[in-house]
Protein backbone atom coordinates (compact mmCIF):
# COMPACT_ATOMS: atom_id res chain seq x y z
CA MET A 1 85.88 237.61 105.05
CA SER A 2 88.41 234.76 105.13
CA GLU A 3 89.06 232.28 102.31
CA ASN A 4 87.31 229.53 104.30
CA ASP A 5 84.24 231.67 104.67
CA LYS A 6 84.20 232.29 100.93
CA LEU A 7 84.40 228.57 100.21
CA ASN A 8 81.50 227.82 102.52
CA GLU A 9 79.35 230.63 101.19
CA PRO A 10 76.50 229.40 98.96
CA LEU A 11 76.78 230.06 95.27
CA SER A 12 74.93 233.08 94.10
CA SER A 13 72.20 232.51 91.61
CA TYR A 14 74.50 234.08 89.03
CA ASP A 15 77.16 231.39 89.67
CA LYS A 16 74.66 228.54 89.48
CA ILE A 17 73.87 226.84 86.25
CA SER A 18 70.61 228.44 85.27
CA SER A 19 68.74 225.52 83.76
CA PHE A 20 68.47 221.81 83.27
CA ASP A 21 69.09 222.35 79.55
CA GLU A 22 72.52 223.79 80.28
CA VAL A 23 73.39 220.82 82.51
CA TRP A 24 72.20 218.45 79.82
CA LYS A 25 74.29 220.27 77.20
CA LEU A 26 77.41 220.05 79.38
CA PHE A 27 76.73 216.38 80.01
CA LYS A 28 76.39 215.67 76.27
CA GLU A 29 79.63 217.54 75.48
CA THR A 30 81.47 215.57 78.17
CA GLU A 31 79.99 212.30 76.90
CA LYS A 32 81.12 213.17 73.36
CA GLN A 33 84.65 213.86 74.60
CA PHE A 34 84.71 210.54 76.45
CA LYS A 35 83.60 208.70 73.31
CA GLU A 36 86.28 210.39 71.21
CA THR A 37 88.90 209.55 73.82
CA ASP A 38 87.68 205.93 73.90
CA LYS A 39 87.97 205.70 70.09
CA ARG A 40 91.51 207.05 70.17
CA LEU A 41 92.50 204.67 72.96
CA ASP A 42 90.91 201.69 71.16
CA LYS A 43 92.86 202.54 68.02
CA MET A 44 96.10 202.88 69.98
CA PHE A 45 95.51 199.55 71.79
CA LYS A 46 94.75 197.76 68.51
CA GLU A 47 97.89 199.15 66.86
CA THR A 48 99.99 198.21 69.88
CA SER A 49 98.52 194.70 70.00
CA LYS A 50 99.20 194.25 66.30
CA LYS A 51 102.83 195.30 66.73
CA ILE A 52 103.28 192.95 69.68
CA ARG A 53 101.82 190.04 67.65
CA GLU A 54 104.13 190.85 64.74
CA LEU A 55 107.17 190.90 67.01
CA SER A 56 106.09 187.70 68.73
CA ASN A 57 105.59 185.95 65.38
CA LEU A 58 108.98 187.14 64.17
CA PHE A 59 110.63 185.86 67.36
CA THR A 60 108.83 182.49 67.18
CA THR A 61 109.56 182.10 63.48
CA GLN A 62 113.27 182.76 63.95
CA TRP A 63 113.51 180.27 66.83
CA GLY A 64 111.57 177.73 64.77
CA LYS A 65 113.97 178.12 61.85
CA LEU A 66 116.93 177.66 64.18
CA VAL A 67 115.51 174.45 65.66
CA GLU A 68 114.59 173.23 62.19
CA SER A 69 118.18 173.81 61.01
CA LEU A 70 119.63 171.95 64.01
CA VAL A 71 117.39 168.96 63.35
CA GLU A 72 117.73 168.97 59.56
CA GLY A 73 121.53 168.92 59.72
CA GLU A 74 121.57 165.67 61.73
CA LEU A 75 118.33 164.04 60.60
CA ILE A 76 119.70 161.57 58.05
CA ASN A 77 122.42 160.32 60.42
CA LEU A 78 119.98 160.03 63.34
CA LEU A 79 117.49 157.99 61.34
CA VAL A 80 120.12 155.78 59.71
CA GLU A 81 121.39 154.97 63.23
CA ARG A 82 117.83 153.80 63.99
CA GLY A 83 117.72 151.52 60.95
CA LEU A 84 115.93 153.77 58.45
CA LYS A 85 117.99 154.16 55.29
CA VAL A 86 116.79 157.65 54.39
CA GLU A 87 118.82 159.47 51.75
CA SER A 88 117.52 163.01 51.48
CA VAL A 89 115.58 165.66 53.38
CA VAL A 90 112.92 167.98 52.00
CA GLN A 91 112.19 171.15 53.97
CA ARG A 92 108.84 172.90 54.21
CA ARG A 93 106.63 170.72 52.07
CA LYS A 94 103.49 172.82 51.49
CA GLY A 95 100.46 172.28 49.37
CA SER A 96 96.71 172.08 49.08
CA ARG A 97 94.59 169.04 48.40
CA ASN A 98 90.80 169.01 48.14
CA GLY A 99 90.65 172.58 49.45
CA VAL A 100 92.74 171.79 52.56
CA ASN A 101 96.13 173.45 53.01
CA TYR A 102 98.94 171.46 54.59
CA GLU A 103 102.55 171.96 55.58
CA PHE A 104 105.18 169.56 56.84
CA ASP A 105 108.40 170.95 58.29
CA LEU A 106 110.85 168.19 57.28
CA ILE A 107 110.52 164.97 55.32
CA ALA A 108 113.38 162.46 55.26
CA GLU A 109 112.94 159.96 52.46
CA ASN A 110 114.23 157.04 50.43
CA THR A 111 112.43 155.01 47.77
CA ASP A 112 110.33 152.94 50.22
CA GLU A 113 109.72 155.04 53.32
CA ILE A 114 109.56 158.56 54.67
CA VAL A 115 109.81 160.17 58.08
CA ILE A 116 107.74 163.32 58.48
CA VAL A 117 109.07 165.61 61.19
CA GLU A 118 107.10 168.29 63.02
CA VAL A 119 109.46 170.90 64.50
CA LYS A 120 108.46 172.99 67.51
CA THR A 121 110.39 175.41 69.68
CA THR A 122 108.24 174.28 72.62
CA LEU A 123 106.45 170.95 72.23
CA ARG A 124 103.02 170.76 73.88
CA PRO A 125 100.48 167.91 74.06
CA ASP A 126 98.18 169.77 71.63
CA ASP A 127 101.06 169.89 69.12
CA VAL A 128 101.44 166.10 69.34
CA ASN A 129 97.70 165.52 68.83
CA HIS A 130 97.54 167.96 65.91
CA PHE A 131 100.56 166.34 64.25
CA LEU A 132 99.09 162.84 64.63
CA GLU A 133 95.99 164.04 62.78
CA LYS A 134 98.16 165.50 60.01
CA LEU A 135 100.09 162.21 59.72
CA LYS A 136 96.86 160.27 59.22
CA LYS A 137 96.15 162.47 56.18
CA ALA A 138 99.70 162.53 54.78
CA LYS A 139 99.04 160.03 51.98
CA THR A 140 95.91 161.96 50.99
CA PHE A 141 97.78 165.27 51.03
CA MET A 142 100.79 163.84 49.16
CA PRO A 143 99.74 160.95 46.89
CA VAL A 144 103.34 160.58 45.70
CA TYR A 145 103.94 158.78 49.03
CA LYS A 146 100.80 156.59 48.91
CA ASN A 147 102.74 153.30 48.50
CA MET A 148 105.42 154.11 51.06
CA LYS A 149 105.77 153.47 54.78
CA ILE A 150 105.31 156.72 56.67
CA TYR A 151 106.81 157.30 60.09
CA GLY A 152 106.44 160.39 62.21
CA ALA A 153 108.77 162.38 64.43
CA VAL A 154 108.53 165.45 66.61
CA ALA A 155 111.53 167.66 67.19
CA TYR A 156 111.76 170.37 69.81
CA LEU A 157 113.95 172.61 71.91
CA THR A 158 111.84 172.30 75.08
CA ALA A 159 108.86 170.12 75.96
CA VAL A 160 106.08 170.68 78.48
CA ALA A 161 103.48 168.56 80.25
CA GLY A 162 105.01 165.21 79.28
CA SER A 163 104.48 165.84 75.57
CA GLU A 164 107.69 164.00 74.65
CA GLN A 165 106.49 160.82 76.44
CA MET A 166 103.08 161.23 74.84
CA ALA A 167 104.71 161.40 71.40
CA GLU A 168 106.79 158.27 72.03
CA LYS A 169 103.73 156.34 73.25
CA ALA A 170 101.95 157.36 70.01
CA GLY A 171 104.77 155.76 68.00
CA LEU A 172 106.65 158.92 67.02
CA PHE A 173 110.39 159.40 67.02
CA VAL A 174 111.25 162.10 69.55
CA ILE A 175 114.15 164.39 68.60
CA LYS A 176 115.57 166.93 71.02
CA ALA A 177 117.60 169.84 69.68
CA THR A 178 120.67 170.12 71.86
CA GLY A 179 123.52 172.62 71.67
CA ASN A 180 124.48 172.79 68.03
CA SER A 181 122.85 169.51 66.92
CA SER A 182 120.05 167.12 67.85
CA LYS A 183 119.50 163.56 69.10
CA ILE A 184 116.75 160.97 69.17
CA ILE A 185 115.74 160.39 72.78
CA ASN A 186 113.50 157.35 72.30
CA ALA A 187 114.52 154.16 74.07
CA SER A 188 116.97 152.04 72.07
CA ASP A 189 114.32 149.31 71.60
CA PHE A 190 111.66 151.81 70.38
CA LYS A 191 109.58 150.61 67.42
CA PRO A 192 108.01 153.47 65.44
CA LYS A 193 104.41 153.28 64.28
CA ILE A 194 103.76 153.08 60.54
CA PHE A 195 101.12 155.57 59.40
């Protein structure tokens, strides 16, 4: 008998699974193995996703700090050139007021006015809208500035979807980080909004 003939030959009753119970048992064992494999894969995917998020956050944070440093180093000079006599810059102003946490990246100040700067690696329209909402609450968050004029500014490395024009139309200074410094890109006749 050839090998082909053996393959085509029906299974003997001895080779057949003898009962439905045995099939069911095999099925259950296979299902259990699949579930265990799924659990292991889920755990591996979650761990991998967590590591990717951590690396992404580290990358974004480092870029953000670089852009913040570029802007902070030139901020006083840039604003003085635009007629605001700011004298000092505070970095990373954080706090909590009435159960709401807040953070402002940079604040340039003098005795009468402040400029709050939101720094982004990539500026998006949602960032502008979110920052405008934060500016409206700035005097509530920081009562020390309640009698001062507050101006806003966004600073960025790259901008998408016209977010820089959107910011200017909303009355914000627009600062672009360039090379090893930064510059205000608003029109020379730009009048900032007081918040």
